[in-house]
Amino acid sequence: MAERRKLETILKDNGLVSEEQLKQITNYAYAVGIDLYEAVLQKKIAPPDVVMMAYSESIGLPFIHLADVSMDEDVIAQIDPITARQYSFIPISIDQGHVLLATTKPVIPDIEEELRMKFNLPVRYAICTPAELNTAIAKYYPRETARTAKAERGKILQQQPITKKPELVEPMNDEEKKDRLLKTFAAFNFTIAFVCFASYYLPLPRGMTYSFSLFLLLGIIGGGVTAFITWKTLSR
């Protein structure tokens, strides 16, 4: 059996990125805390379907176009809309003794186990593009359906004798997550620039001399705090 190629290798072998581009994208992915394939998508290095095909190959899963497959609405109806929207997946069908999920990456183990127990079947994955997945989720699990499910869940929670009710928040979609990430990154960079600018142009206390490295360090620390506050404020 041939050894599975890493995404970095596939991108280079297929001529999608240069060595320098790959280095920059890898650093960007690490800095903002996202997967490499997400960074490639954000940088628009290649068409989304090409990127996702490369990613699916790297993790050993099939790639599909949702427009080319038949969706089993009976299976779709058995999934909680809030869970589907929050964890970005949609069931396609029950095929060869498996529940087949379309997603951009495998869901977390807890959700996979929950699905396995619901259907009493193991879970298989097929990778698709984020745009196709978002379109399918919007079609089969619209926001109004999710709100209704949230309200019903809230009624059940109110009837339970618990001391503290968990807050039900509608999950963020991919665009909202991307907006939160960009604003956090901007807040981090702005804080660094402001500290360095202020330290250079504002008068320093007597006996203190200007040190760019010192104020850059202070800017990075301040940027980290600002970025954390921004991230928490925009999260829901």
C-alpha atoms as a PDB file:
ATOM      1  CA  MET A   1       0.000   0.000   0.000  1.00  0.00           C
ATOM      2  CA  ALA A   2       1.411   3.386  -1.025  1.00  0.00           C
ATOM      3  CA  GLU A   3       2.174   5.816   1.762  1.00  0.00           C
ATOM      4  CA  ARG A   4      -0.391   8.600   2.047  1.00  0.00           C
ATOM      5  CA  ARG A   5       0.968  11.975   0.954  1.00  0.00           C
ATOM      6  CA  LYS A   6       0.759  14.996   3.227  1.00  0.00           C
ATOM      7  CA  LEU A   7      -1.232  18.015   2.087  1.00  0.00           C
ATOM      8  CA  GLU A   8       1.953  20.066   1.758  1.00  0.00           C
ATOM      9  CA  THR A   9       3.412  17.464  -0.599  1.00  0.00           C
ATOM     10  CA  ILE A  10       0.247  17.257  -2.706  1.00  0.00           C
ATOM     11  CA  LEU A  11       0.068  21.041  -3.061  1.00  0.00           C
ATOM     12  CA  LYS A  12       3.690  21.217  -4.217  1.00  0.00           C
ATOM     13  CA  ASP A  13       3.574  18.130  -6.454  1.00  0.00           C
ATOM     14  CA  ASN A  14       0.465  19.447  -8.205  1.00  0.00           C
ATOM     15  CA  GLY A  15       2.086  22.832  -8.753  1.00  0.00           C
ATOM     16  CA  LEU A  16      -0.502  24.666  -6.659  1.00  0.00           C
ATOM     17  CA  VAL A  17       2.019  26.450  -4.435  1.00  0.00           C
ATOM     18  CA  SER A  18       5.684  27.311  -4.527  1.00  0.00           C
ATOM     19  CA  GLU A  19       8.041  26.554  -1.670  1.00  0.00           C
ATOM     20  CA  GLU A  20       7.918  30.189  -0.566  1.00  0.00           C
ATOM     21  CA  GLN A  21       4.102  30.343  -0.767  1.00  0.00           C
ATOM     22  CA  LEU A  22       3.797  27.150   1.250  1.00  0.00           C
ATOM     23  CA  LYS A  23       6.066  28.564   3.938  1.00  0.00           C
ATOM     24  CA  GLN A  24       4.011  31.768   4.156  1.00  0.00           C
ATOM     25  CA  ILE A  25       0.696  29.890   4.257  1.00  0.00           C
ATOM     26  CA  THR A  26       1.991  27.475   6.902  1.00  0.00           C
ATOM     27  CA  ASN A  27       3.105  30.385   9.087  1.00  0.00           C
ATOM     28  CA  TYR A  28      -0.247  32.086   8.598  1.00  0.00           C
ATOM     29  CA  ALA A  29      -2.165  28.936   9.535  1.00  0.00           C
ATOM     30  CA  TYR A  30      -0.069  28.530  12.679  1.00  0.00           C
ATOM     31  CA  ALA A  31      -0.440  32.211  13.646  1.00  0.00           C
ATOM     32  CA  VAL A  32      -4.237  32.270  13.425  1.00  0.00           C
ATOM     33  CA  GLY A  33      -4.801  28.707  14.633  1.00  0.00           C
ATOM     34  CA  ILE A  34      -6.440  27.107  11.599  1.00  0.00           C
ATOM     35  CA  ASP A  35      -5.750  24.030   9.493  1.00  0.00           C
ATOM     36  CA  LEU A  36      -3.468  24.338   6.483  1.00  0.00           C
ATOM     37  CA  TYR A  37      -6.241  23.658   3.974  1.00  0.00           C
ATOM     38  CA  GLU A  38      -8.318  26.468   5.544  1.00  0.00           C
ATOM     39  CA  ALA A  39      -5.397  28.860   5.165  1.00  0.00           C
ATOM     40  CA  VAL A  40      -5.014  27.888   1.484  1.00  0.00           C
ATOM     41  CA  LEU A  41      -8.728  28.518   0.953  1.00  0.00           C
ATOM     42  CA  GLN A  42      -8.566  31.905   2.672  1.00  0.00           C
ATOM     43  CA  LYS A  43      -5.562  32.964   0.593  1.00  0.00           C
ATOM     44  CA  LYS A  44      -7.369  31.824  -2.587  1.00  0.00           C
ATOM     45  CA  ILE A  45      -4.259  30.079  -3.889  1.00  0.00           C
ATOM     46  CA  ALA A  46      -6.352  27.592  -5.901  1.00  0.00           C
ATOM     47  CA  PRO A  47     -10.035  26.848  -6.612  1.00  0.00           C
ATOM     48  CA  PRO A  48     -11.855  25.505  -3.521  1.00  0.00           C
ATOM     49  CA  ASP A  49     -12.675  22.133  -5.120  1.00  0.00           C
ATOM     50  CA  VAL A  50      -9.019  21.603  -6.049  1.00  0.00           C
ATOM     51  CA  VAL A  51      -7.908  22.453  -2.505  1.00  0.00           C
ATOM     52  CA  MET A  52     -10.503  20.179  -0.922  1.00  0.00           C
ATOM     53  CA  MET A  53      -9.636  17.313  -3.268  1.00  0.00           C
ATOM     54  CA  ALA A  54      -6.012  17.638  -2.189  1.00  0.00           C
ATOM     55  CA  TYR A  55      -7.060  17.767   1.462  1.00  0.00           C
ATOM     56  CA  SER A  56      -9.333  14.735   1.131  1.00  0.00           C
ATOM     57  CA  GLU A  57      -6.489  12.765  -0.446  1.00  0.00           C
ATOM     58  CA  SER A  58      -4.171  13.739   2.404  1.00  0.00           C
ATOM     59  CA  ILE A  59      -6.540  12.306   5.028  1.00  0.00           C
ATOM     60  CA  GLY A  60      -7.636   9.318   2.976  1.00  0.00           C
ATOM     61  CA  LEU A  61     -11.291  10.261   2.445  1.00  0.00           C
ATOM     62  CA  PRO A  62     -13.329  10.579  -0.778  1.00  0.00           C
ATOM     63  CA  PHE A  63     -14.204  13.969  -2.270  1.00  0.00           C
ATOM     64  CA  ILE A  64     -17.716  14.628  -3.581  1.00  0.00           C
ATOM     65  CA  HIS A  65     -19.766  17.370  -5.197  1.00  0.00           C
ATOM     66  CA  LEU A  66     -23.054  17.535  -3.314  1.00  0.00           C
ATOM     67  CA  ALA A  67     -24.859  18.553  -6.496  1.00  0.00           C
ATOM     68  CA  ASP A  68     -23.980  15.149  -7.947  1.00  0.00           C
ATOM     69  CA  VAL A  69     -25.367  13.006  -5.111  1.00  0.00           C
ATOM     70  CA  SER A  70     -28.882  12.129  -3.995  1.00  0.00           C
ATOM     71  CA  MET A  71     -29.670  13.392  -0.505  1.00  0.00           C
ATOM     72  CA  ASP A  72     -31.834  11.150   1.700  1.00  0.00           C
ATOM     73  CA  GLU A  73     -34.190  13.613   3.390  1.00  0.00           C
ATOM     74  CA  ASP A  74     -35.456  10.957   5.806  1.00  0.00           C
ATOM     75  CA  VAL A  75     -31.939  10.600   7.192  1.00  0.00           C
ATOM     76  CA  ILE A  76     -31.393  14.368   7.161  1.00  0.00           C
ATOM     77  CA  ALA A  77     -34.559  14.877   9.210  1.00  0.00           C
ATOM     78  CA  GLN A  78     -33.186  12.710  12.022  1.00  0.00           C
ATOM     79  CA  ILE A  79     -30.333  15.127  12.765  1.00  0.00           C
ATOM     80  CA  ASP A  80     -30.734  17.999  15.216  1.00  0.00           C
ATOM     81  CA  PRO A  81     -30.433  21.228  13.137  1.00  0.00           C
ATOM     82  CA  ILE A  82     -28.430  22.960  15.880  1.00  0.00           C
ATOM     83  CA  THR A  83     -25.864  20.147  15.945  1.00  0.00           C
ATOM     84  CA  ALA A  84     -25.598  20.060  12.148  1.00  0.00           C
ATOM     85  CA  ARG A  85     -25.036  23.821  11.928  1.00  0.00           C
ATOM     86  CA  GLN A  86     -22.645  23.974  14.864  1.00  0.00           C
ATOM     87  CA  TYR A  87     -20.398  21.135  13.683  1.00  0.00           C
ATOM     88  CA  SER A  88     -20.807  21.802   9.937  1.00  0.00           C
ATOM     89  CA  PHE A  89     -21.957  18.494   8.505  1.00  0.00           C
ATOM     90  CA  ILE A  90     -24.957  17.017   6.763  1.00  0.00           C
ATOM     91  CA  PRO A  91     -25.901  13.363   6.385  1.00  0.00           C
ATOM     92  CA  ILE A  92     -26.216  12.196   2.790  1.00  0.00           C
ATOM     93  CA  SER A  93     -27.615   8.709   3.184  1.00  0.00           C
ATOM     94  CA  ILE A  94     -27.229   5.333   4.816  1.00  0.00           C
ATOM     95  CA  ASP A  95     -24.937   3.432   2.480  1.00  0.00           C
ATOM     96  CA  GLN A  96     -23.515  -0.103   2.824  1.00  0.00           C
ATOM     97  CA  GLY A  97     -24.171  -0.226   6.544  1.00  0.00           C
ATOM     98  CA  HIS A  98     -22.735   3.233   7.262  1.00  0.00           C
ATOM     99  CA  VAL A  99     -24.103   6.710   7.859  1.00  0.00           C
ATOM    100  CA  LEU A 100     -22.445   8.842   5.181  1.00  0.00           C
ATOM    101  CA  LEU A 101     -21.739  12.438   6.224  1.00  0.00           C
ATOM    102  CA  ALA A 102     -20.717  15.314   3.971  1.00  0.00           C
ATOM    103  CA  THR A 103     -18.385  17.730   5.725  1.00  0.00           C
ATOM    104  CA  THR A 104     -15.217  19.758   5.281  1.00  0.00           C
ATOM    105  CA  LYS A 105     -13.420  17.730   7.941  1.00  0.00           C
ATOM    106  CA  PRO A 106     -14.324  14.864  10.296  1.00  0.00           C
ATOM    107  CA  VAL A 107     -16.420  15.890  13.293  1.00  0.00           C
ATOM    108  CA  ILE A 108     -15.122  15.607  16.844  1.00  0.00           C
ATOM    109  CA  PRO A 109     -15.226  12.091  18.403  1.00  0.00           C
ATOM    110  CA  ASP A 110     -18.072  12.946  20.801  1.00  0.00           C
ATOM    111  CA  ILE A 111     -20.402  13.943  17.957  1.00  0.00           C
ATOM    112  CA  GLU A 112     -19.361  10.948  15.856  1.00  0.00           C
ATOM    113  CA  GLU A 113     -20.190   8.667  18.776  1.00  0.00           C
ATOM    114  CA  GLU A 114     -23.544  10.426  19.249  1.00  0.00           C
ATOM    115  CA  LEU A 115     -24.375   9.824  15.585  1.00  0.00           C
ATOM    116  CA  ARG A 116     -23.234   6.217  15.761  1.00  0.00           C
ATOM    117  CA  MET A 117     -25.537   5.584  18.716  1.00  0.00           C
ATOM    118  CA  LYS A 118     -28.484   7.411  17.085  1.00  0.00           C
ATOM    119  CA  PHE A 119     -28.353   5.310  13.915  1.00  0.00           C
ATOM    120  CA  ASN A 120     -26.713   2.234  15.459  1.00  0.00           C
ATOM    121  CA  LEU A 121     -24.309   2.355  12.528  1.00  0.00           C
ATOM    122  CA  PRO A 122     -20.685   3.475  12.058  1.00  0.00           C
ATOM    123  CA  VAL A 123     -20.001   6.837  10.430  1.00  0.00           C
ATOM    124  CA  ARG A 124     -18.183   7.444   7.145  1.00  0.00           C
ATOM    125  CA  TYR A 125     -17.144  10.817   5.737  1.00  0.00           C
ATOM    126  CA  ALA A 126     -17.059  12.435   2.327  1.00  0.00           C
ATOM    127  CA  ILE A 127     -15.276  15.758   1.899  1.00  0.00           C
ATOM    128  CA  CYS A 128     -16.909  18.639   0.026  1.00  0.00           C
ATOM    129  CA  THR A 129     -16.225  22.336  -0.403  1.00  0.00           C
ATOM    130  CA  PRO A 130     -17.308  24.785   2.331  1.00  0.00           C
ATOM    131  CA  ALA A 131     -19.564  26.613  -0.130  1.00  0.00           C
ATOM    132  CA  GLU A 132     -21.435  23.443  -1.096  1.00  0.00           C
ATOM    133  CA  LEU A 133     -21.778  22.414   2.540  1.00  0.00           C
ATOM    134  CA  ASN A 134     -23.085  25.826   3.604  1.00  0.00           C
ATOM    135  CA  THR A 135     -25.625  25.780   0.770  1.00  0.00           C
ATOM    136  CA  ALA A 136     -26.876  22.321   1.785  1.00  0.00           C
ATOM    137  CA  ILE A 137     -27.097  23.248   5.466  1.00  0.00           C
ATOM    138  CA  ALA A 138     -28.989  26.439   4.613  1.00  0.00           C
ATOM    139  CA  LYS A 139     -31.412  24.377   2.518  1.00  0.00           C
ATOM    140  CA  TYR A 140     -32.063  21.485   4.894  1.00  0.00           C
ATOM    141  CA  TYR A 141     -31.361  23.148   8.248  1.00  0.00           C
ATOM    142  CA  PRO A 142     -32.371  26.817   7.796  1.00  0.00           C
ATOM    143  CA  ARG A 143     -31.937  29.242  10.659  1.00  0.00           C
ATOM    144  CA  GLU A 144     -35.653  29.280  11.382  1.00  0.00           C
ATOM    145  CA  THR A 145     -35.621  25.511  11.873  1.00  0.00           C
ATOM    146  CA  ALA A 146     -32.634  25.836  14.180  1.00  0.00           C
ATOM    147  CA  ARG A 147     -34.388  28.553  16.186  1.00  0.00           C
ATOM    148  CA  THR A 148     -37.447  26.341  16.565  1.00  0.00           C
ATOM    149  CA  ALA A 149     -35.316  23.431  17.717  1.00  0.00           C
ATOM    150  CA  LYS A 150     -33.555  25.733  20.164  1.00  0.00           C
ATOM    151  CA  ALA A 151     -36.880  26.936  21.568  1.00  0.00           C
ATOM    152  CA  GLU A 152     -38.133  23.376  21.989  1.00  0.00           C
ATOM    153  CA  ARG A 153     -34.908  22.379  23.708  1.00  0.00           C
ATOM    154  CA  GLY A 154     -35.244  25.407  25.968  1.00  0.00           C
ATOM    155  CA  LYS A 155     -38.745  24.298  27.035  1.00  0.00           C
ATOM    156  CA  ILE A 156     -37.410  20.867  27.932  1.00  0.00           C
ATOM    157  CA  LEU A 157     -34.592  22.391  29.954  1.00  0.00           C
ATOM    158  CA  GLN A 158     -37.038  24.615  31.826  1.00  0.00           C
ATOM    159  CA  GLN A 159     -38.945  21.539  32.919  1.00  0.00           C
ATOM    160  CA  GLN A 160     -35.835  19.847  34.273  1.00  0.00           C
ATOM    161  CA  PRO A 161     -34.937  20.370  37.962  1.00  0.00           C
ATOM    162  CA  ILE A 162     -31.525  21.881  37.386  1.00  0.00           C
ATOM    163  CA  THR A 163     -29.978  24.740  39.313  1.00  0.00           C
ATOM    164  CA  LYS A 164     -28.420  26.419  36.307  1.00  0.00           C
ATOM    165  CA  LYS A 165     -29.793  26.329  32.785  1.00  0.00           C
ATOM    166  CA  PRO A 166     -27.183  26.246  30.033  1.00  0.00           C
ATOM    167  CA  GLU A 167     -27.442  29.169  27.651  1.00  0.00           C
ATOM    168  CA  LEU A 168     -28.578  28.133  24.183  1.00  0.00           C
ATOM    169  CA  VAL A 169     -26.773  30.136  21.561  1.00  0.00           C
ATOM    170  CA  GLU A 170     -27.221  29.629  17.860  1.00  0.00           C
ATOM    171  CA  PRO A 171     -23.875  28.483  16.471  1.00  0.00           C
ATOM    172  CA  MET A 172     -21.824  30.814  14.300  1.00  0.00           C
ATOM    173  CA  ASN A 173     -21.666  30.037  10.616  1.00  0.00           C
ATOM    174  CA  ASP A 174     -18.424  29.959   8.596  1.00  0.00           C
ATOM    175  CA  GLU A 175     -18.707  33.618   7.539  1.00  0.00           C
ATOM    176  CA  GLU A 176     -19.187  34.781  11.136  1.00  0.00           C
ATOM    177  CA  LYS A 177     -16.236  32.662  12.267  1.00  0.00           C
ATOM    178  CA  LYS A 178     -14.084  34.141   9.501  1.00  0.00           C
ATOM    179  CA  ASP A 179     -15.167  37.687  10.457  1.00  0.00           C
ATOM    180  CA  ARG A 180     -14.295  37.005  14.118  1.00  0.00           C
ATOM    181  CA  LEU A 181     -10.870  35.678  13.095  1.00  0.00           C
ATOM    182  CA  LEU A 182     -10.075  38.672  10.863  1.00  0.00           C
ATOM    183  CA  LYS A 183     -11.184  41.210  13.497  1.00  0.00           C
ATOM    184  CA  THR A 184      -9.102  39.466  16.171  1.00  0.00           C
ATOM    185  CA  PHE A 185      -6.067  39.468  13.881  1.00  0.00           C
ATOM    186  CA  ALA A 186      -6.634  43.160  13.081  1.00  0.00           C
ATOM    187  CA  ALA A 187      -6.932  44.049  16.788  1.00  0.00           C
ATOM    188  CA  PHE A 188      -3.645  42.262  17.494  1.00  0.00           C
ATOM    189  CA  ASN A 189      -1.772  44.110  14.717  1.00  0.00           C
ATOM    190  CA  PHE A 190      -3.352  47.492  15.536  1.00  0.00           C
ATOM    191  CA  THR A 191      -2.292  47.258  19.179  1.00  0.00           C
ATOM    192  CA  ILE A 192       1.310  46.488  18.236  1.00  0.00           C
ATOM    193  CA  ALA A 193       1.395  49.384  15.766  1.00  0.00           C
ATOM    194  CA  PHE A 194      -0.183  51.785  18.276  1.00  0.00           C
ATOM    195  CA  VAL A 195       2.268  50.917  21.082  1.00  0.00           C
ATOM    196  CA  CYS A 196       5.301  51.259  18.788  1.00  0.00           C
ATOM    197  CA  PHE A 197       3.994  54.545  17.323  1.00  0.00           C
ATOM    198  CA  ALA A 198       3.115  56.035  20.693  1.00  0.00           C
ATOM    199  CA  SER A 199       6.436  55.051  22.241  1.00  0.00           C
ATOM    200  CA  TYR A 200       8.335  56.727  19.391  1.00  0.00           C
ATOM    201  CA  TYR A 201       6.432  60.016  19.211  1.00  0.00           C
ATOM    202  CA  LEU A 202       5.315  60.579  22.786  1.00  0.00           C
ATOM    203  CA  PRO A 203       7.832  61.970  25.313  1.00  0.00           C
ATOM    204  CA  LEU A 204       9.389  59.299  27.512  1.00  0.00           C
ATOM    205  CA  PRO A 205       9.996  59.681  31.264  1.00  0.00           C
ATOM    206  CA  ARG A 206      13.281  61.340  32.188  1.00  0.00           C
ATOM    207  CA  GLY A 207      16.172  58.916  32.097  1.00  0.00           C
ATOM    208  CA  MET A 208      14.398  56.451  29.814  1.00  0.00           C
ATOM    209  CA  THR A 209      15.695  55.934  26.277  1.00  0.00           C
ATOM    210  CA  TYR A 210      13.798  54.603  23.274  1.00  0.00           C
ATOM    211  CA  SER A 211      14.224  50.866  22.632  1.00  0.00           C
ATOM    212  CA  PHE A 212      12.321  49.473  19.667  1.00  0.00           C
ATOM    213  CA  SER A 213      12.702  45.860  20.783  1.00  0.00           C
ATOM    214  CA  LEU A 214      11.336  46.687  24.244  1.00  0.00           C
ATOM    215  CA  PHE A 215       8.287  48.510  22.930  1.00  0.00           C
ATOM    216  CA  LEU A 216       7.735  45.834  20.270  1.00  0.00           C
ATOM    217  CA  LEU A 217       7.640  43.259  23.080  1.00  0.00           C
ATOM    218  CA  LEU A 218       5.178  45.437  25.007  1.00  0.00           C
ATOM    219  CA  GLY A 219       3.114  45.780  21.831  1.00  0.00           C
ATOM    220  CA  ILE A 220       2.996  42.021  21.305  1.00  0.00           C
ATOM    221  CA  ILE A 221       1.905  41.476  24.916  1.00  0.00           C
ATOM    222  CA  GLY A 222      -0.731  44.180  24.618  1.00  0.00           C
ATOM    223  CA  GLY A 223      -1.795  42.812  21.231  1.00  0.00           C
ATOM    224  CA  GLY A 224      -2.270  39.375  22.726  1.00  0.00           C
ATOM    225  CA  VAL A 225      -4.515  40.791  25.448  1.00  0.00           C
ATOM    226  CA  THR A 226      -6.515  42.847  22.948  1.00  0.00           C
ATOM    227  CA  ALA A 227      -6.850  39.884  20.595  1.00  0.00           C
ATOM    228  CA  PHE A 228      -8.071  37.663  23.444  1.00  0.00           C
ATOM    229  CA  ILE A 229     -10.678  40.232  24.510  1.00  0.00           C
ATOM    230  CA  THR A 230     -11.814  40.708  20.899  1.00  0.00           C
ATOM    231  CA  TRP A 231     -12.090  36.940  20.349  1.00  0.00           C
ATOM    232  CA  LYS A 232     -14.125  36.423  23.524  1.00  0.00           C
ATOM    233  CA  THR A 233     -16.362  39.416  22.779  1.00  0.00           C
ATOM    234  CA  LEU A 234     -17.184  38.212  19.268  1.00  0.00           C
ATOM    235  CA  SER A 235     -17.658  34.574  20.299  1.00  0.00           C
ATOM    236  CA  ARG A 236     -21.123  33.223  20.984  1.00  0.00           C
END
